[in-house]
């Protein structure tokens, strides 16, 4: 068998100018709360609070510029409840307070992401920040 074909040229396909991808976001967060206040029932640290984080993220990239770098933003919802039991004593008085503070937060993250090459899994490193809006707050003092 002798090959009768001529030489071949393979051309690169054109890369997309820009790409946007939406994704659902679900995760967990642990937060701390501390007051330095003259009111003794508030002064000090509250117990660490764990909460769920749910939302929608948007990943923007430009494969022509870099296939690994992208910009990420989104809208996340995080309800967090902090609890604290405080007890203080002064002469002839013992005071015990149970305090609950609930913060419903909307977070707007902004960041950059660098993705590594992978087949099934694609690890990445990200850096950025988030703007937080307190949608509602509630407290209970017993």
C-alpha atoms as a PDB file:
ATOM      1  CA  UNK A   1       0.000   0.000   0.000  1.00  0.00           C
ATOM      2  CA  UNK A   2       1.452   3.243  -1.115  1.00  0.00           C
ATOM      3  CA  UNK A   3      -0.034   6.578  -0.055  1.00  0.00           C
ATOM      4  CA  UNK A   4      -1.074   8.622  -3.052  1.00  0.00           C
ATOM      5  CA  UNK A   5      -2.330  11.727  -1.206  1.00  0.00           C
ATOM      6  CA  UNK A   6      -0.584  15.057  -1.201  1.00  0.00           C
ATOM      7  CA  UNK A   7       0.508  17.135   1.759  1.00  0.00           C
ATOM      8  CA  UNK A   8      -2.161  18.511   4.053  1.00  0.00           C
ATOM      9  CA  UNK A   9      -2.580  21.833   5.809  1.00  0.00           C
ATOM     10  CA  UNK A  10      -4.555  22.100   9.064  1.00  0.00           C
ATOM     11  CA  UNK A  11      -5.908  25.533   9.935  1.00  0.00           C
ATOM     12  CA  UNK A  12      -6.703  26.653  13.472  1.00  0.00           C
ATOM     13  CA  UNK A  13     -10.354  27.348  14.089  1.00  0.00           C
ATOM     14  CA  UNK A  14     -11.237  30.890  15.041  1.00  0.00           C
ATOM     15  CA  UNK A  15     -11.710  31.439  18.758  1.00  0.00           C
ATOM     16  CA  UNK A  16     -14.761  33.153  20.162  1.00  0.00           C
ATOM     17  CA  UNK A  17     -14.409  36.867  20.865  1.00  0.00           C
ATOM     18  CA  UNK A  18     -16.165  36.679  24.232  1.00  0.00           C
ATOM     19  CA  UNK A  19     -18.091  34.096  26.188  1.00  0.00           C
ATOM     20  CA  UNK A  20     -20.595  34.308  29.063  1.00  0.00           C
ATOM     21  CA  UNK A  21     -21.661  31.384  31.242  1.00  0.00           C
ATOM     22  CA  UNK A  22     -24.277  31.411  34.013  1.00  0.00           C
ATOM     23  CA  UNK A  23     -24.145  28.939  36.900  1.00  0.00           C
ATOM     24  CA  UNK A  24     -26.041  28.237  40.118  1.00  0.00           C
ATOM     25  CA  UNK A  25     -23.973  28.703  43.246  1.00  0.00           C
ATOM     26  CA  UNK A  26     -24.445  26.749  46.473  1.00  0.00           C
ATOM     27  CA  UNK A  27     -22.081  26.655  49.398  1.00  0.00           C
ATOM     28  CA  UNK A  28     -21.534  27.162  53.089  1.00  0.00           C
ATOM     29  CA  UNK A  29     -19.993  29.983  55.122  1.00  0.00           C
ATOM     30  CA  UNK A  30     -18.869  30.440  58.716  1.00  0.00           C
ATOM     31  CA  UNK A  31     -19.088  33.987  60.125  1.00  0.00           C
ATOM     32  CA  UNK A  32     -18.113  35.714  63.356  1.00  0.00           C
ATOM     33  CA  UNK A  33     -19.678  38.750  65.016  1.00  0.00           C
ATOM     34  CA  UNK A  34     -18.190  40.894  67.770  1.00  0.00           C
ATOM     35  CA  UNK A  35     -19.351  44.132  69.373  1.00  0.00           C
ATOM     36  CA  UNK A  36     -17.214  46.518  71.372  1.00  0.00           C
ATOM     37  CA  UNK A  37     -20.028  48.366  73.072  1.00  0.00           C
ATOM     38  CA  UNK A  38     -20.676  50.069  76.398  1.00  0.00           C
ATOM     39  CA  UNK A  39     -23.867  48.012  76.702  1.00  0.00           C
ATOM     40  CA  UNK A  40     -22.678  44.953  78.598  1.00  0.00           C
ATOM     41  CA  UNK A  41     -25.205  42.556  77.046  1.00  0.00           C
ATOM     42  CA  UNK A  42     -23.811  43.264  73.536  1.00  0.00           C
ATOM     43  CA  UNK A  43     -20.113  43.673  74.285  1.00  0.00           C
ATOM     44  CA  UNK A  44     -18.041  40.676  73.229  1.00  0.00           C
ATOM     45  CA  UNK A  45     -18.076  37.838  70.733  1.00  0.00           C
ATOM     46  CA  UNK A  46     -21.133  35.968  69.534  1.00  0.00           C
ATOM     47  CA  UNK A  47     -20.971  32.236  68.786  1.00  0.00           C
ATOM     48  CA  UNK A  48     -19.666  31.496  65.247  1.00  0.00           C
ATOM     49  CA  UNK A  49     -22.571  31.057  62.810  1.00  0.00           C
ATOM     50  CA  UNK A  50     -22.671  28.695  59.850  1.00  0.00           C
ATOM     51  CA  UNK A  51     -25.035  29.445  56.992  1.00  0.00           C
ATOM     52  CA  UNK A  52     -25.860  28.433  53.439  1.00  0.00           C
ATOM     53  CA  UNK A  53     -24.979  30.599  50.446  1.00  0.00           C
ATOM     54  CA  UNK A  54     -27.216  30.390  47.365  1.00  0.00           C
ATOM     55  CA  UNK A  55     -27.214  32.383  44.165  1.00  0.00           C
ATOM     56  CA  UNK A  56     -26.408  32.851  40.521  1.00  0.00           C
ATOM     57  CA  UNK A  57     -22.954  33.615  39.096  1.00  0.00           C
ATOM     58  CA  UNK A  58     -21.817  34.912  35.718  1.00  0.00           C
ATOM     59  CA  UNK A  59     -18.420  34.033  34.258  1.00  0.00           C
ATOM     60  CA  UNK A  60     -17.169  36.322  31.477  1.00  0.00           C
ATOM     61  CA  UNK A  61     -14.153  35.371  29.384  1.00  0.00           C
ATOM     62  CA  UNK A  62     -12.443  36.218  26.115  1.00  0.00           C
ATOM     63  CA  UNK A  63     -10.826  33.099  24.597  1.00  0.00           C
ATOM     64  CA  UNK A  64      -9.015  35.261  22.035  1.00  0.00           C
ATOM     65  CA  UNK A  65      -7.180  37.030  24.857  1.00  0.00           C
ATOM     66  CA  UNK A  66      -6.752  34.087  27.259  1.00  0.00           C
ATOM     67  CA  UNK A  67      -8.527  30.758  27.587  1.00  0.00           C
ATOM     68  CA  UNK A  68      -7.584  30.488  31.246  1.00  0.00           C
ATOM     69  CA  UNK A  69      -8.361  33.961  32.627  1.00  0.00           C
ATOM     70  CA  UNK A  70     -11.929  35.105  33.278  1.00  0.00           C
ATOM     71  CA  UNK A  71     -13.953  37.680  35.215  1.00  0.00           C
ATOM     72  CA  UNK A  72     -16.661  36.478  37.591  1.00  0.00           C
ATOM     73  CA  UNK A  73     -19.588  38.265  39.213  1.00  0.00           C
ATOM     74  CA  UNK A  74     -22.976  37.289  40.601  1.00  0.00           C
ATOM     75  CA  UNK A  75     -25.714  37.702  43.148  1.00  0.00           C
ATOM     76  CA  UNK A  76     -25.631  35.568  46.303  1.00  0.00           C
ATOM     77  CA  UNK A  77     -28.056  35.290  49.242  1.00  0.00           C
ATOM     78  CA  UNK A  78     -26.752  34.428  52.715  1.00  0.00           C
ATOM     79  CA  UNK A  79     -29.006  34.286  55.805  1.00  0.00           C
ATOM     80  CA  UNK A  80     -26.945  34.225  59.024  1.00  0.00           C
ATOM     81  CA  UNK A  81     -28.120  33.913  62.634  1.00  0.00           C
ATOM     82  CA  UNK A  82     -25.786  34.763  65.519  1.00  0.00           C
ATOM     83  CA  UNK A  83     -26.504  33.772  69.128  1.00  0.00           C
ATOM     84  CA  UNK A  84     -24.991  34.809  72.418  1.00  0.00           C
ATOM     85  CA  UNK A  85     -25.688  34.146  76.063  1.00  0.00           C
ATOM     86  CA  UNK A  86     -24.176  36.842  78.265  1.00  0.00           C
ATOM     87  CA  UNK A  87     -24.033  36.879  82.023  1.00  0.00           C
ATOM     88  CA  UNK A  88     -22.629  39.622  84.186  1.00  0.00           C
ATOM     89  CA  UNK A  89     -22.716  40.245  87.890  1.00  0.00           C
ATOM     90  CA  UNK A  90     -22.551  43.411  89.911  1.00  0.00           C
ATOM     91  CA  UNK A  91     -23.062  43.634  93.676  1.00  0.00           C
ATOM     92  CA  UNK A  92     -26.527  42.321  94.532  1.00  0.00           C
ATOM     93  CA  UNK A  93     -27.458  41.774  90.841  1.00  0.00           C
ATOM     94  CA  UNK A  94     -26.995  38.935  88.369  1.00  0.00           C
ATOM     95  CA  UNK A  95     -28.077  39.603  84.798  1.00  0.00           C
ATOM     96  CA  UNK A  96     -28.352  36.940  82.098  1.00  0.00           C
ATOM     97  CA  UNK A  97     -29.287  37.755  78.492  1.00  0.00           C
ATOM     98  CA  UNK A  98     -29.990  35.558  75.462  1.00  0.00           C
ATOM     99  CA  UNK A  99     -29.454  37.530  72.261  1.00  0.00           C
ATOM    100  CA  UNK A 100     -30.194  36.417  68.682  1.00  0.00           C
ATOM    101  CA  UNK A 101     -29.297  38.563  65.662  1.00  0.00           C
ATOM    102  CA  UNK A 102     -30.362  37.526  62.154  1.00  0.00           C
ATOM    103  CA  UNK A 103     -28.763  39.156  59.094  1.00  0.00           C
ATOM    104  CA  UNK A 104     -30.150  38.397  55.607  1.00  0.00           C
ATOM    105  CA  UNK A 105     -27.414  39.436  53.211  1.00  0.00           C
ATOM    106  CA  UNK A 106     -27.234  39.949  49.450  1.00  0.00           C
ATOM    107  CA  UNK A 107     -23.665  39.707  48.192  1.00  0.00           C
ATOM    108  CA  UNK A 108     -22.316  40.987  44.878  1.00  0.00           C
ATOM    109  CA  UNK A 109     -18.936  39.322  44.284  1.00  0.00           C
ATOM    110  CA  UNK A 110     -16.438  40.639  41.728  1.00  0.00           C
ATOM    111  CA  UNK A 111     -13.283  38.741  40.907  1.00  0.00           C
ATOM    112  CA  UNK A 112     -10.819  37.231  38.513  1.00  0.00           C
ATOM    113  CA  UNK A 113     -10.325  33.523  37.980  1.00  0.00           C
ATOM    114  CA  UNK A 114      -7.373  31.604  36.526  1.00  0.00           C
ATOM    115  CA  UNK A 115      -8.251  28.037  35.444  1.00  0.00           C
ATOM    116  CA  UNK A 116      -5.768  25.197  35.100  1.00  0.00           C
ATOM    117  CA  UNK A 117      -5.955  22.579  32.360  1.00  0.00           C
ATOM    118  CA  UNK A 118      -8.001  19.509  33.228  1.00  0.00           C
ATOM    119  CA  UNK A 119     -10.150  16.886  31.550  1.00  0.00           C
ATOM    120  CA  UNK A 120     -12.844  15.927  34.054  1.00  0.00           C
ATOM    121  CA  UNK A 121     -11.969  18.488  36.735  1.00  0.00           C
ATOM    122  CA  UNK A 122     -10.725  21.996  36.112  1.00  0.00           C
ATOM    123  CA  UNK A 123      -9.127  23.456  39.246  1.00  0.00           C
ATOM    124  CA  UNK A 124      -8.841  27.243  39.510  1.00  0.00           C
ATOM    125  CA  UNK A 125      -7.486  30.080  41.622  1.00  0.00           C
ATOM    126  CA  UNK A 126      -9.623  33.152  42.209  1.00  0.00           C
ATOM    127  CA  UNK A 127      -9.185  36.565  43.802  1.00  0.00           C
ATOM    128  CA  UNK A 128     -11.598  39.426  44.355  1.00  0.00           C
ATOM    129  CA  UNK A 129     -14.016  41.003  46.762  1.00  0.00           C
ATOM    130  CA  UNK A 130     -17.707  41.363  47.464  1.00  0.00           C
ATOM    131  CA  UNK A 131     -20.098  44.197  48.191  1.00  0.00           C
ATOM    132  CA  UNK A 132     -22.712  43.270  50.824  1.00  0.00           C
ATOM    133  CA  UNK A 133     -26.217  44.679  51.220  1.00  0.00           C
ATOM    134  CA  UNK A 134     -28.186  43.801  54.351  1.00  0.00           C
ATOM    135  CA  UNK A 135     -31.632  43.029  52.905  1.00  0.00           C
ATOM    136  CA  UNK A 136     -33.195  42.638  56.353  1.00  0.00           C
ATOM    137  CA  UNK A 137     -32.134  42.328  59.968  1.00  0.00           C
ATOM    138  CA  UNK A 138     -33.860  41.066  63.069  1.00  0.00           C
ATOM    139  CA  UNK A 139     -32.909  40.721  66.712  1.00  0.00           C
ATOM    140  CA  UNK A 140     -34.326  39.162  69.819  1.00  0.00           C
ATOM    141  CA  UNK A 141     -33.218  39.932  73.354  1.00  0.00           C
ATOM    142  CA  UNK A 142     -34.511  37.809  76.217  1.00  0.00           C
END
